Protein backbone atom coordinates (compact mmCIF):
# COMPACT_ATOMS: atom_id res chain seq x y z
CA MET A 1 -14.24 -7.41 11.91
CA HIS A 2 -13.77 -4.83 9.18
CA ASP A 3 -15.57 -4.72 5.84
CA ILE A 4 -12.93 -2.93 3.77
CA VAL A 5 -9.26 -3.07 4.73
CA LEU A 6 -6.65 -1.10 2.81
CA LEU A 7 -3.22 -2.76 2.78
CA PRO A 8 -0.49 -0.65 1.14
CA ILE A 9 2.60 -2.72 0.34
CA ASP A 10 5.96 -2.40 -1.37
CA LEU A 11 6.65 -5.63 -3.23
CA GLN A 12 10.39 -4.90 -3.21
CA HIS A 13 10.41 -4.87 0.61
CA PRO A 14 8.84 -7.95 2.26
CA GLU A 15 8.98 -6.16 5.61
CA SER A 16 6.16 -3.98 4.27
CA TRP A 17 3.80 -6.96 4.09
CA ALA A 18 5.22 -10.02 5.90
CA LYS A 19 3.49 -9.14 9.19
CA ALA A 20 0.88 -6.72 7.87
CA LEU A 21 -0.73 -9.21 5.45
CA PRO A 22 -1.66 -11.79 8.11
CA ALA A 23 -2.94 -8.98 10.36
CA ALA A 24 -5.08 -7.57 7.53
CA LYS A 25 -6.52 -11.02 6.81
CA ARG A 26 -7.42 -11.53 10.47
CA LEU A 27 -9.02 -8.11 10.71
CA ALA A 28 -11.02 -8.62 7.51
CA GLY A 29 -12.39 -11.84 8.95
CA ASP A 30 -14.45 -14.20 6.84
CA ARG A 31 -16.36 -11.55 4.92
CA GLY A 32 -14.20 -8.44 4.62
CA VAL A 33 -12.39 -7.39 1.46
CA ILE A 34 -8.73 -6.40 1.37
CA HIS A 35 -7.73 -3.65 -1.03
CA LEU A 36 -4.08 -4.25 -1.87
CA LEU A 37 -2.32 -1.03 -2.86
CA GLY A 38 1.02 -0.74 -4.60
CA ILE A 39 2.43 2.73 -5.09
CA VAL A 40 4.70 3.97 -7.84
CA HIS A 41 6.58 6.89 -6.35
CA ASP A 42 6.34 10.28 -7.97
CA PHE A 43 9.63 11.46 -9.45
CA GLY A 44 9.04 14.85 -7.90
CA SER A 45 10.15 16.79 -10.93
CA SER A 46 8.91 17.07 -14.49
CA MET A 47 12.53 17.65 -15.47
CA VAL A 48 13.44 14.11 -14.34
CA ALA A 49 10.56 12.71 -16.39
CA THR A 50 12.02 14.24 -19.57
CA PHE A 51 15.03 11.89 -19.29
CA LEU A 52 12.88 8.75 -19.13
CA PRO A 53 11.94 6.74 -22.22
CA LYS A 54 8.60 7.52 -23.84
CA GLY A 55 5.79 5.58 -22.17
CA TYR A 56 7.94 4.72 -19.13
CA GLU A 57 5.34 5.79 -16.58
CA GLN A 58 2.58 3.72 -18.20
CA LYS A 59 4.87 0.69 -18.42
CA ILE A 60 5.91 0.88 -14.79
CA LEU A 61 2.28 1.25 -13.64
CA GLN A 62 1.29 -1.79 -15.74
CA ARG A 63 4.23 -3.78 -14.39
CA MET A 64 3.21 -2.92 -10.82
CA LYS A 65 -0.34 -4.15 -11.56
CA GLU A 66 0.95 -7.44 -12.95
CA GLU A 67 3.23 -7.99 -9.96
CA LEU A 68 0.39 -7.23 -7.52
CA ASP A 69 -1.85 -9.69 -9.39
CA GLY A 70 0.84 -12.36 -8.96
CA PHE A 71 1.24 -11.49 -5.28
CA ALA A 72 -2.51 -11.82 -4.74
CA ALA A 73 -2.60 -15.19 -6.51
CA ASP A 74 0.24 -16.44 -4.29
CA HIS A 75 -1.07 -15.08 -0.97
CA PHE A 76 -4.87 -15.27 -1.11
CA ASP A 77 -6.84 -18.51 -1.21
CA ASP A 78 -9.99 -16.64 -2.21
CA GLU A 79 -9.08 -14.00 -4.78
CA SER A 80 -12.66 -12.68 -4.72
CA ARG A 81 -11.79 -11.10 -1.35
CA VAL A 82 -8.92 -9.00 -2.66
CA ARG A 83 -8.90 -5.98 -4.95
CA ILE A 84 -5.74 -4.75 -6.63
CA HIS A 85 -4.92 -1.06 -6.98
CA VAL A 86 -1.90 0.83 -8.25
CA GLY A 87 -1.37 4.36 -7.01
CA HIS A 88 1.05 6.98 -8.23
CA GLY A 89 2.51 9.84 -6.25
CA HIS A 90 3.52 10.70 -2.70
CA VAL A 91 3.11 7.59 -0.53
CA ALA A 92 1.10 8.93 2.42
CA GLU A 93 -1.15 11.09 0.24
CA THR A 94 -1.81 8.17 -2.10
CA ILE A 95 -2.72 5.89 0.80
CA LEU A 96 -5.13 8.45 2.27
CA LYS A 97 -6.77 9.12 -1.10
CA ALA A 98 -7.14 5.38 -1.75
CA ALA A 99 -8.72 4.83 1.68
CA ALA A 100 -11.32 7.49 0.91
CA LYS A 101 -11.91 6.31 -2.66
CA TYR A 102 -12.46 2.66 -1.73
CA GLY A 103 -14.35 3.36 1.50
CA ALA A 104 -11.82 1.66 3.76
CA ASP A 105 -12.80 1.35 7.39
CA LEU A 106 -9.26 0.32 8.36
CA ILE A 107 -5.75 0.83 7.01
CA VAL A 108 -3.15 -1.79 7.92
CA MET A 109 0.47 -0.95 7.24
CA ALA A 110 3.87 -2.04 8.42
CA SER A 111 6.54 0.03 10.04
CA GLU A 112 9.81 -1.29 11.31
CA LYS A 113 10.79 -0.65 14.89
CA PRO A 114 12.12 2.90 14.74
CA ASP A 115 15.77 3.69 15.12
CA GLU A 116 17.68 6.81 14.08
CA LEU A 117 17.80 5.93 10.36
CA ARG A 118 14.41 4.24 10.03
CA SER A 119 12.57 7.04 11.79
CA ILE A 120 13.55 9.21 8.85
CA LEU A 121 13.20 6.73 5.98
CA VAL A 122 10.42 4.33 6.94
CA SER A 123 8.18 5.71 9.65
CA ARG A 124 7.56 9.08 8.03
CA ASP A 125 4.84 7.72 5.74
CA ALA A 126 3.21 5.62 8.48
CA ASN A 127 3.30 8.62 10.80
CA ALA A 128 1.65 10.86 8.20
CA VAL A 129 -1.08 8.31 7.52
CA VAL A 130 -1.79 7.84 11.24
CA ARG A 131 -1.94 11.59 11.83
CA HIS A 132 -4.21 12.43 8.90
CA SER A 133 -6.40 9.37 8.42
CA PRO A 134 -10.11 9.73 9.19
CA VAL A 135 -10.31 5.94 9.69
CA SER A 136 -8.45 3.65 12.08
CA VAL A 137 -4.89 2.71 11.18
CA MET A 138 -3.12 -0.36 12.48
CA VAL A 139 0.65 -0.12 12.32
CA VAL A 140 2.18 -3.59 12.48
CA ARG A 141 5.72 -4.12 13.71
């Protein structure tokens, strides 16, 4: 079993957690802790940010935290075994930084079965995490 499991999810896409969450719970066993990570994507340009309302970034980060808290309450019987984190930036980089910061010994993440479109849109982040992670990564399909 693993002591610290990092589980990055996208609450807007159940396929990012429907299979990965049960796998993470199994791999954490009776004593491991799951670090649930939601990521607010970086806009990629400071110019885009100038068109957003004042305080938008802070509001969206707070909203993500609240939604992750609700998700944890709904999906974990023992909330003492889950930690909630909100990251901001490029997905793969944020996952790798979070794994290092929280001392994860395993990253569990979902990736749909690749096809021509999904290999570009979905698997890119999982691929980058697998390639660059210093800890084991389980990709659940």
